[in-house]
Amino acid sequence: MTRSNSKSAAALRDNTGRTYVAIEVSSGEFKVDAILAVLVVAKASSITGIEAIVICGQQPTESSLSVVKSEDSGAKIYFVSDQDELISL
């Protein structure tokens, strides 16, 4: 996050063990949070399932979480707090 000057980042591990990473993307009025950005990157690689996603920085919105859950209801989602606690969402 420091190198990219981003406020949040996410990593997604698919059901075959591949890992994808992304940061939030914004340009003018256009904004995609890190969890949706990493989902787009993974879907572009034709994933068939999500094992887990870890987000750090800003906590994702409920709408972003629901998009992930609709993609794979068994996906585990975690948030790393400012105090380095791993919180299951």
PDB file of N, CA and C in Angstrom:
ATOM      1  N   MET A   1       0.815  -1.181   0.000  1.00  0.00           N
ATOM      2  CA  MET A   1       0.000   0.000   0.000  1.00  0.00           C
ATOM      3  C   MET A   1       0.863   1.251   0.000  1.00  0.00           C
ATOM      4  N   THR A   2       1.975   1.200   0.684  1.00  0.00           N
ATOM      5  CA  THR A   2       2.848   2.366   0.746  1.00  0.00           C
ATOM      6  C   THR A   2       3.415   2.698  -0.624  1.00  0.00           C
ATOM      7  N   ARG A   3       3.875   1.670  -1.324  1.00  0.00           N
ATOM      8  CA  ARG A   3       4.487   1.899  -2.645  1.00  0.00           C
ATOM      9  C   ARG A   3       3.482   2.488  -3.626  1.00  0.00           C
ATOM     10  N   SER A   4       2.239   2.042  -3.554  1.00  0.00           N
ATOM     11  CA  SER A   4       1.218   2.511  -4.492  1.00  0.00           C
ATOM     12  C   SER A   4       0.434   3.711  -3.956  1.00  0.00           C
ATOM     13  N   ASN A   5       0.747   4.128  -2.735  1.00  0.00           N
ATOM     14  CA  ASN A   5       0.054   5.242  -2.090  1.00  0.00           C
ATOM     15  C   ASN A   5      -1.456   4.971  -2.006  1.00  0.00           C
ATOM     16  N   SER A   6      -1.800   3.741  -1.670  1.00  0.00           N
ATOM     17  CA  SER A   6      -3.196   3.328  -1.592  1.00  0.00           C
ATOM     18  C   SER A   6      -3.653   3.259  -0.140  1.00  0.00           C
ATOM     19  N   LYS A   7      -4.957   3.449   0.061  1.00  0.00           N
ATOM     20  CA  LYS A   7      -5.527   3.376   1.404  1.00  0.00           C
ATOM     21  C   LYS A   7      -5.964   1.969   1.767  1.00  0.00           C
ATOM     22  N   SER A   8      -6.053   1.069   0.772  1.00  0.00           N
ATOM     23  CA  SER A   8      -6.432  -0.302   1.057  1.00  0.00           C
ATOM     24  C   SER A   8      -5.918  -1.235  -0.027  1.00  0.00           C
ATOM     25  N   ALA A   9      -5.816  -2.514   0.339  1.00  0.00           N
ATOM     26  CA  ALA A   9      -5.371  -3.552  -0.586  1.00  0.00           C
ATOM     27  C   ALA A   9      -6.077  -4.845  -0.229  1.00  0.00           C
ATOM     28  N   ALA A  10      -6.152  -5.743  -1.206  1.00  0.00           N
ATOM     29  CA  ALA A  10      -6.803  -7.035  -0.960  1.00  0.00           C
ATOM     30  C   ALA A  10      -6.037  -8.128  -1.692  1.00  0.00           C
ATOM     31  N   ALA A  11      -6.066  -9.320  -1.103  1.00  0.00           N
ATOM     32  CA  ALA A  11      -5.500 -10.508  -1.731  1.00  0.00           C
ATOM     33  C   ALA A  11      -6.583 -11.578  -1.757  1.00  0.00           C
ATOM     34  N   LEU A  12      -6.693 -12.271  -2.879  1.00  0.00           N
ATOM     35  CA  LEU A  12      -7.695 -13.320  -3.049  1.00  0.00           C
ATOM     36  C   LEU A  12      -6.979 -14.609  -3.406  1.00  0.00           C
ATOM     37  N   ARG A  13      -7.327 -15.684  -2.729  1.00  0.00           N
ATOM     38  CA  ARG A  13      -6.807 -17.014  -3.047  1.00  0.00           C
ATOM     39  C   ARG A  13      -7.966 -17.812  -3.623  1.00  0.00           C
ATOM     40  N   ASP A  14      -7.767 -18.337  -4.843  1.00  0.00           N
ATOM     41  CA  ASP A  14      -8.859 -19.089  -5.470  1.00  0.00           C
ATOM     42  C   ASP A  14      -8.840 -20.546  -5.027  1.00  0.00           C
ATOM     43  N   ASN A  15      -9.786 -21.316  -5.518  1.00  0.00           N
ATOM     44  CA  ASN A  15      -9.918 -22.701  -5.075  1.00  0.00           C
ATOM     45  C   ASN A  15      -8.862 -23.636  -5.659  1.00  0.00           C
ATOM     46  N   THR A  16      -7.974 -23.110  -6.508  1.00  0.00           N
ATOM     47  CA  THR A  16      -6.865 -23.932  -7.014  1.00  0.00           C
ATOM     48  C   THR A  16      -5.532 -23.536  -6.385  1.00  0.00           C
ATOM     49  N   GLY A  17      -5.553 -22.548  -5.473  1.00  0.00           N
ATOM     50  CA  GLY A  17      -4.339 -22.127  -4.784  1.00  0.00           C
ATOM     51  C   GLY A  17      -3.639 -20.922  -5.387  1.00  0.00           C
ATOM     52  N   ARG A  18      -4.189 -20.374  -6.468  1.00  0.00           N
ATOM     53  CA  ARG A  18      -3.587 -19.168  -7.056  1.00  0.00           C
ATOM     54  C   ARG A  18      -3.995 -17.946  -6.233  1.00  0.00           C
ATOM     55  N   THR A  19      -3.089 -16.975  -6.143  1.00  0.00           N
ATOM     56  CA  THR A  19      -3.341 -15.770  -5.355  1.00  0.00           C
ATOM     57  C   THR A  19      -3.285 -14.537  -6.256  1.00  0.00           C
ATOM     58  N   TYR A  20      -4.218 -13.635  -6.045  1.00  0.00           N
ATOM     59  CA  TYR A  20      -4.319 -12.392  -6.802  1.00  0.00           C
ATOM     60  C   TYR A  20      -4.309 -11.234  -5.816  1.00  0.00           C
ATOM     61  N   VAL A  21      -3.752 -10.100  -6.213  1.00  0.00           N
ATOM     62  CA  VAL A  21      -3.729  -8.919  -5.349  1.00  0.00           C
ATOM     63  C   VAL A  21      -4.203  -7.699  -6.136  1.00  0.00           C
ATOM     64  N   ALA A  22      -4.755  -6.727  -5.411  1.00  0.00           N
ATOM     65  CA  ALA A  22      -5.193  -5.485  -6.038  1.00  0.00           C
ATOM     66  C   ALA A  22      -5.321  -4.407  -4.971  1.00  0.00           C
ATOM     67  N   ILE A  23      -5.316  -3.174  -5.427  1.00  0.00           N
ATOM     68  CA  ILE A  23      -5.542  -2.015  -4.567  1.00  0.00           C
ATOM     69  C   ILE A  23      -6.804  -1.315  -5.045  1.00  0.00           C
ATOM     70  N   GLU A  24      -7.283  -0.387  -4.247  1.00  0.00           N
ATOM     71  CA  GLU A  24      -8.431   0.407  -4.685  1.00  0.00           C
ATOM     72  C   GLU A  24      -8.038   1.216  -5.922  1.00  0.00           C
ATOM     73  N   VAL A  25      -9.002   1.483  -6.770  1.00  0.00           N
ATOM     74  CA  VAL A  25      -8.764   2.234  -7.999  1.00  0.00           C
ATOM     75  C   VAL A  25      -9.720   3.411  -8.023  1.00  0.00           C
ATOM     76  N   SER A  26      -9.178   4.608  -8.264  1.00  0.00           N
ATOM     77  CA  SER A  26     -10.060   5.767  -8.375  1.00  0.00           C
ATOM     78  C   SER A  26      -9.494   6.754  -9.385  1.00  0.00           C
ATOM     79  N   SER A  27     -10.418   7.362 -10.111  1.00  0.00           N
ATOM     80  CA  SER A  27     -10.083   8.379 -11.099  1.00  0.00           C
ATOM     81  C   SER A  27     -11.302   9.276 -11.247  1.00  0.00           C
ATOM     82  N   GLY A  28     -11.197  10.473 -10.720  1.00  0.00           N
ATOM     83  CA  GLY A  28     -12.342  11.376 -10.757  1.00  0.00           C
ATOM     84  C   GLY A  28     -13.508  10.795  -9.987  1.00  0.00           C
ATOM     85  N   GLU A  29     -14.655  10.662 -10.634  1.00  0.00           N
ATOM     86  CA  GLU A  29     -15.854  10.105 -10.013  1.00  0.00           C
ATOM     87  C   GLU A  29     -15.820   8.587  -9.925  1.00  0.00           C
ATOM     88  N   PHE A  30     -14.958   7.948 -10.695  1.00  0.00           N
ATOM     89  CA  PHE A  30     -14.879   6.482 -10.752  1.00  0.00           C
ATOM     90  C   PHE A  30     -14.074   5.953  -9.576  1.00  0.00           C
ATOM     91  N   LYS A  31     -14.655   4.990  -8.823  1.00  0.00           N
ATOM     92  CA  LYS A  31     -13.938   4.400  -7.699  1.00  0.00           C
ATOM     93  C   LYS A  31     -14.348   2.945  -7.526  1.00  0.00           C
ATOM     94  N   VAL A  32     -13.358   2.068  -7.384  1.00  0.00           N
ATOM     95  CA  VAL A  32     -13.579   0.647  -7.108  1.00  0.00           C
ATOM     96  C   VAL A  32     -12.742   0.309  -5.888  1.00  0.00           C
ATOM     97  N   ASP A  33     -13.379  -0.249  -4.851  1.00  0.00           N
ATOM     98  CA  ASP A  33     -12.612  -0.583  -3.650  1.00  0.00           C
ATOM     99  C   ASP A  33     -11.729  -1.810  -3.919  1.00  0.00           C
ATOM    100  N   ALA A  34     -10.824  -2.088  -3.010  1.00  0.00           N
ATOM    101  CA  ALA A  34      -9.819  -3.138  -3.201  1.00  0.00           C
ATOM    102  C   ALA A  34     -10.440  -4.525  -3.348  1.00  0.00           C
ATOM    103  N   ILE A  35     -11.502  -4.811  -2.602  1.00  0.00           N
ATOM    104  CA  ILE A  35     -12.101  -6.142  -2.670  1.00  0.00           C
ATOM    105  C   ILE A  35     -12.742  -6.395  -4.041  1.00  0.00           C
ATOM    106  N   LEU A  36     -13.400  -5.388  -4.604  1.00  0.00           N
ATOM    107  CA  LEU A  36     -13.966  -5.564  -5.940  1.00  0.00           C
ATOM    108  C   LEU A  36     -12.877  -5.575  -6.998  1.00  0.00           C
ATOM    109  N   ALA A  37     -11.830  -4.785  -6.807  1.00  0.00           N
ATOM    110  CA  ALA A  37     -10.718  -4.775  -7.763  1.00  0.00           C
ATOM    111  C   ALA A  37     -10.042  -6.137  -7.825  1.00  0.00           C
ATOM    112  N   VAL A  38      -9.815  -6.773  -6.677  1.00  0.00           N
ATOM    113  CA  VAL A  38      -9.161  -8.083  -6.685  1.00  0.00           C
ATOM    114  C   VAL A  38     -10.101  -9.139  -7.270  1.00  0.00           C
ATOM    115  N   LEU A  39     -11.396  -8.990  -7.068  1.00  0.00           N
ATOM    116  CA  LEU A  39     -12.347  -9.926  -7.667  1.00  0.00           C
ATOM    117  C   LEU A  39     -12.317  -9.813  -9.193  1.00  0.00           C
ATOM    118  N   VAL A  40     -12.235  -8.609  -9.709  1.00  0.00           N
ATOM    119  CA  VAL A  40     -12.144  -8.399 -11.161  1.00  0.00           C
ATOM    120  C   VAL A  40     -10.883  -9.043 -11.720  1.00  0.00           C
ATOM    121  N   VAL A  41      -9.758  -8.837 -11.052  1.00  0.00           N
ATOM    122  CA  VAL A  41      -8.491  -9.438 -11.501  1.00  0.00           C
ATOM    123  C   VAL A  41      -8.604 -10.959 -11.524  1.00  0.00           C
ATOM    124  N   ALA A  42      -9.177 -11.535 -10.484  1.00  0.00           N
ATOM    125  CA  ALA A  42      -9.317 -12.989 -10.396  1.00  0.00           C
ATOM    126  C   ALA A  42     -10.286 -13.514 -11.455  1.00  0.00           C
ATOM    127  N   LYS A  43     -11.427 -12.838 -11.624  1.00  0.00           N
ATOM    128  CA  LYS A  43     -12.398 -13.266 -12.626  1.00  0.00           C
ATOM    129  C   LYS A  43     -11.818 -13.185 -14.029  1.00  0.00           C
ATOM    130  N   ALA A  44     -10.940 -12.232 -14.278  1.00  0.00           N
ATOM    131  CA  ALA A  44     -10.282 -12.126 -15.582  1.00  0.00           C
ATOM    132  C   ALA A  44      -9.411 -13.343 -15.862  1.00  0.00           C
ATOM    133  N   SER A  45      -9.012 -14.043 -14.811  1.00  0.00           N
ATOM    134  CA  SER A  45      -8.223 -15.269 -14.961  1.00  0.00           C
ATOM    135  C   SER A  45      -9.102 -16.514 -14.916  1.00  0.00           C
ATOM    136  N   SER A  46     -10.399 -16.326 -15.002  1.00  0.00           N
ATOM    137  CA  SER A  46     -11.380 -17.425 -15.067  1.00  0.00           C
ATOM    138  C   SER A  46     -11.403 -18.323 -13.835  1.00  0.00           C
ATOM    139  N   ILE A  47     -11.350 -17.723 -12.639  1.00  0.00           N
ATOM    140  CA  ILE A  47     -11.447 -18.539 -11.423  1.00  0.00           C
ATOM    141  C   ILE A  47     -12.814 -19.210 -11.368  1.00  0.00           C
ATOM    142  N   THR A  48     -12.862 -20.336 -10.674  1.00  0.00           N
ATOM    143  CA  THR A  48     -14.138 -21.050 -10.512  1.00  0.00           C
ATOM    144  C   THR A  48     -14.607 -21.050  -9.063  1.00  0.00           C
ATOM    145  N   GLY A  49     -13.799 -20.537  -8.163  1.00  0.00           N
ATOM    146  CA  GLY A  49     -14.180 -20.469  -6.763  1.00  0.00           C
ATOM    147  C   GLY A  49     -13.190 -19.659  -5.964  1.00  0.00           C
ATOM    148  N   ILE A  50     -13.628 -19.208  -4.786  1.00  0.00           N
ATOM    149  CA  ILE A  50     -12.796 -18.384  -3.910  1.00  0.00           C
ATOM    150  C   ILE A  50     -12.604 -19.120  -2.596  1.00  0.00           C
ATOM    151  N   GLU A  51     -11.352 -19.303  -2.208  1.00  0.00           N
ATOM    152  CA  GLU A  51     -11.070 -19.879  -0.892  1.00  0.00           C
ATOM    153  C   GLU A  51     -11.179 -18.792   0.172  1.00  0.00           C
ATOM    154  N   ALA A  52     -10.459 -17.682  -0.039  1.00  0.00           N
ATOM    155  CA  ALA A  52     -10.467 -16.612   0.954  1.00  0.00           C
ATOM    156  C   ALA A  52      -9.998 -15.298   0.341  1.00  0.00           C
ATOM    157  N   ILE A  53     -10.411 -14.210   0.991  1.00  0.00           N
ATOM    158  CA  ILE A  53      -9.940 -12.868   0.644  1.00  0.00           C
ATOM    159  C   ILE A  53      -9.519 -12.187   1.938  1.00  0.00           C
ATOM    160  N   VAL A  54      -8.381 -11.492   1.892  1.00  0.00           N
ATOM    161  CA  VAL A  54      -7.901 -10.704   3.031  1.00  0.00           C
ATOM    162  C   VAL A  54      -7.806  -9.254   2.582  1.00  0.00           C
ATOM    163  N   ILE A  55      -8.393  -8.357   3.365  1.00  0.00           N
ATOM    164  CA  ILE A  55      -8.386  -6.931   3.063  1.00  0.00           C
ATOM    165  C   ILE A  55      -7.673  -6.198   4.184  1.00  0.00           C
ATOM    166  N   CYS A  56      -6.854  -5.221   3.821  1.00  0.00           N
ATOM    167  CA  CYS A  56      -6.243  -4.367   4.841  1.00  0.00           C
ATOM    168  C   CYS A  56      -6.426  -2.917   4.426  1.00  0.00           C
ATOM    169  N   GLY A  57      -6.324  -2.037   5.396  1.00  0.00           N
ATOM    170  CA  GLY A  57      -6.554  -0.618   5.135  1.00  0.00           C
ATOM    171  C   GLY A  57      -7.973  -0.261   5.483  1.00  0.00           C
ATOM    172  N   GLN A  58      -8.758   0.118   4.483  1.00  0.00           N
ATOM    173  CA  GLN A  58     -10.157   0.479   4.714  1.00  0.00           C
ATOM    174  C   GLN A  58     -11.040  -0.761   4.648  1.00  0.00           C
ATOM    175  N   GLN A  59     -11.966  -0.863   5.576  1.00  0.00           N
ATOM    176  CA  GLN A  59     -12.888  -1.985   5.602  1.00  0.00           C
ATOM    177  C   GLN A  59     -13.844  -1.883   4.403  1.00  0.00           C
ATOM    178  N   PRO A  60     -14.139  -3.009   3.749  1.00  0.00           N
ATOM    179  CA  PRO A  60     -15.016  -2.962   2.570  1.00  0.00           C
ATOM    180  C   PRO A  60     -16.463  -2.655   2.945  1.00  0.00           C
ATOM    181  N   THR A  61     -17.205  -2.149   1.967  1.00  0.00           N
ATOM    182  CA  THR A  61     -18.617  -1.850   2.185  1.00  0.00           C
ATOM    183  C   THR A  61     -19.435  -3.141   2.175  1.00  0.00           C
ATOM    184  N   GLU A  62     -20.620  -3.076   2.740  1.00  0.00           N
ATOM    185  CA  GLU A  62     -21.515  -4.232   2.738  1.00  0.00           C
ATOM    186  C   GLU A  62     -21.869  -4.644   1.312  1.00  0.00           C
ATOM    187  N   SER A  63     -22.017  -3.660   0.422  1.00  0.00           N
ATOM    188  CA  SER A  63     -22.366  -4.008  -0.962  1.00  0.00           C
ATOM    189  C   SER A  63     -21.232  -4.765  -1.638  1.00  0.00           C
ATOM    190  N   SER A  64     -19.991  -4.406  -1.360  1.00  0.00           N
ATOM    191  CA  SER A  64     -18.853  -5.135  -1.921  1.00  0.00           C
ATOM    192  C   SER A  64     -18.778  -6.548  -1.362  1.00  0.00           C
ATOM    193  N   LEU A  65     -19.026  -6.690  -0.069  1.00  0.00           N
ATOM    194  CA  LEU A  65     -19.035  -8.018   0.549  1.00  0.00           C
ATOM    195  C   LEU A  65     -20.128  -8.890  -0.045  1.00  0.00           C
ATOM    196  N   SER A  66     -21.291  -8.309  -0.319  1.00  0.00           N
ATOM    197  CA  SER A  66     -22.384  -9.098  -0.886  1.00  0.00           C
ATOM    198  C   SER A  66     -22.079  -9.553  -2.307  1.00  0.00           C
ATOM    199  N   VAL A  67     -21.322  -8.748  -3.061  1.00  0.00           N
ATOM    200  CA  VAL A  67     -20.909  -9.161  -4.407  1.00  0.00           C
ATOM    201  C   VAL A  67     -20.023 -10.394  -4.318  1.00  0.00           C
ATOM    202  N   VAL A  68     -19.073 -10.389  -3.393  1.00  0.00           N
ATOM    203  CA  VAL A  68     -18.187 -11.544  -3.209  1.00  0.00           C
ATOM    204  C   VAL A  68     -18.991 -12.755  -2.774  1.00  0.00           C
ATOM    205  N   LYS A  69     -19.888 -12.586  -1.818  1.00  0.00           N
ATOM    206  CA  LYS A  69     -20.699 -13.707  -1.328  1.00  0.00           C
ATOM    207  C   LYS A  69     -21.605 -14.264  -2.421  1.00  0.00           C
ATOM    208  N   SER A  70     -22.095 -13.404  -3.321  1.00  0.00           N
ATOM    209  CA  SER A  70     -22.930 -13.911  -4.416  1.00  0.00           C
ATOM    210  C   SER A  70     -22.081 -14.669  -5.431  1.00  0.00           C
ATOM    211  N   GLU A  71     -20.822 -14.322  -5.536  1.00  0.00           N
ATOM    212  CA  GLU A  71     -19.902 -15.030  -6.425  1.00  0.00           C
ATOM    213  C   GLU A  71     -19.561 -16.410  -5.861  1.00  0.00           C
ATOM    214  N   ASP A  72     -19.309 -16.473  -4.542  1.00  0.00           N
ATOM    215  CA  ASP A  72     -18.997 -17.745  -3.881  1.00  0.00           C
ATOM    216  C   ASP A  72     -19.420 -17.638  -2.418  1.00  0.00           C
ATOM    217  N   SER A  73     -20.546 -18.248  -2.098  1.00  0.00           N
ATOM    218  CA  SER A  73     -21.098 -18.115  -0.746  1.00  0.00           C
ATOM    219  C   SER A  73     -20.214 -18.730   0.331  1.00  0.00           C
ATOM    220  N   GLY A  74     -19.303 -19.611  -0.050  1.00  0.00           N
ATOM    221  CA  GLY A  74     -18.405 -20.235   0.917  1.00  0.00           C
ATOM    222  C   GLY A  74     -17.094 -19.504   1.109  1.00  0.00           C
ATOM    223  N   ALA A  75     -16.913 -18.390   0.414  1.00  0.00           N
ATOM    224  CA  ALA A  75     -15.661 -17.636   0.507  1.00  0.00           C
ATOM    225  C   ALA A  75     -15.472 -17.077   1.913  1.00  0.00           C
ATOM    226  N   LYS A  76     -14.291 -17.260   2.465  1.00  0.00           N
ATOM    227  CA  LYS A  76     -13.951 -16.669   3.759  1.00  0.00           C
ATOM    228  C   LYS A  76     -13.386 -15.277   3.481  1.00  0.00           C
ATOM    229  N   ILE A  77     -13.825 -14.300   4.261  1.00  0.00           N
ATOM    230  CA  ILE A  77     -13.366 -12.924   4.073  1.00  0.00           C
ATOM    231  C   ILE A  77     -12.831 -12.417   5.403  1.00  0.00           C
ATOM    232  N   TYR A  78     -11.625 -11.875   5.361  1.00  0.00           N
ATOM    233  CA  TYR A  78     -10.965 -11.376   6.567  1.00  0.00           C
ATOM    234  C   TYR A  78     -10.538  -9.929   6.362  1.00  0.00           C
ATOM    235  N   PHE A  79     -10.524  -9.197   7.472  1.00  0.00           N
ATOM    236  CA  PHE A  79     -10.058  -7.814   7.479  1.00  0.00           C
ATOM    237  C   PHE A  79      -8.941  -7.685   8.504  1.00  0.00           C
ATOM    238  N   VAL A  80      -7.846  -7.047   8.135  1.00  0.00           N
ATOM    239  CA  VAL A  80      -6.745  -6.800   9.045  1.00  0.00           C
ATOM    240  C   VAL A  80      -6.916  -5.384   9.597  1.00  0.00           C
ATOM    241  N   SER A  81      -7.140  -5.283  10.893  1.00  0.00           N
ATOM    242  CA  SER A  81      -7.391  -3.980  11.530  1.00  0.00           C
ATOM    243  C   SER A  81      -6.103  -3.184  11.693  1.00  0.00           C
ATOM    244  N   ASP A  82      -6.260  -1.939  12.085  1.00  0.00           N
ATOM    245  CA  ASP A  82      -5.108  -1.067  12.357  1.00  0.00           C
ATOM    246  C   ASP A  82      -4.225  -1.619  13.480  1.00  0.00           C
ATOM    247  N   GLN A  83      -4.815  -2.442  14.348  1.00  0.00           N
ATOM    248  CA  GLN A  83      -4.071  -3.049  15.464  1.00  0.00           C
ATOM    249  C   GLN A  83      -3.534  -4.438  15.075  1.00  0.00           C
ATOM    250  N   ASP A  84      -3.523  -4.728  13.777  1.00  0.00           N
ATOM    251  CA  ASP A  84      -3.033  -6.014  13.234  1.00  0.00           C
ATOM    252  C   ASP A  84      -3.830  -7.209  13.725  1.00  0.00           C
ATOM    253  N   GLU A  85      -5.097  -7.015  14.005  1.00  0.00           N
ATOM    254  CA  GLU A  85      -5.996  -8.120  14.363  1.00  0.00           C
ATOM    255  C   GLU A  85      -6.643  -8.637  13.079  1.00  0.00           C
ATOM    256  N   LEU A  86      -6.766  -9.955  12.958  1.00  0.00           N
ATOM    257  CA  LEU A  86      -7.437 -10.572  11.823  1.00  0.00           C
ATOM    258  C   LEU A  86      -8.887 -10.816  12.208  1.00  0.00           C
ATOM    259  N   ILE A  87      -9.795 -10.111  11.519  1.00  0.00           N
ATOM    260  CA  ILE A  87     -11.218 -10.158  11.836  1.00  0.00           C
ATOM    261  C   ILE A  87     -11.960 -10.848  10.700  1.00  0.00           C
ATOM    262  N   SER A  88     -12.753 -11.842  11.032  1.00  0.00           N
ATOM    263  CA  SER A  88     -13.568 -12.532  10.034  1.00  0.00           C
ATOM    264  C   SER A  88     -14.805 -11.705   9.751  1.00  0.00           C
ATOM    265  N   LEU A  89     -15.071 -11.463   8.477  1.00  0.00           N
ATOM    266  CA  LEU A  89     -16.255 -10.656   8.094  1.00  0.00           C
ATOM    267  C   LEU A  89     -17.370 -11.565   7.604  1.00  0.00           C
TER     268      LEU A  89
END
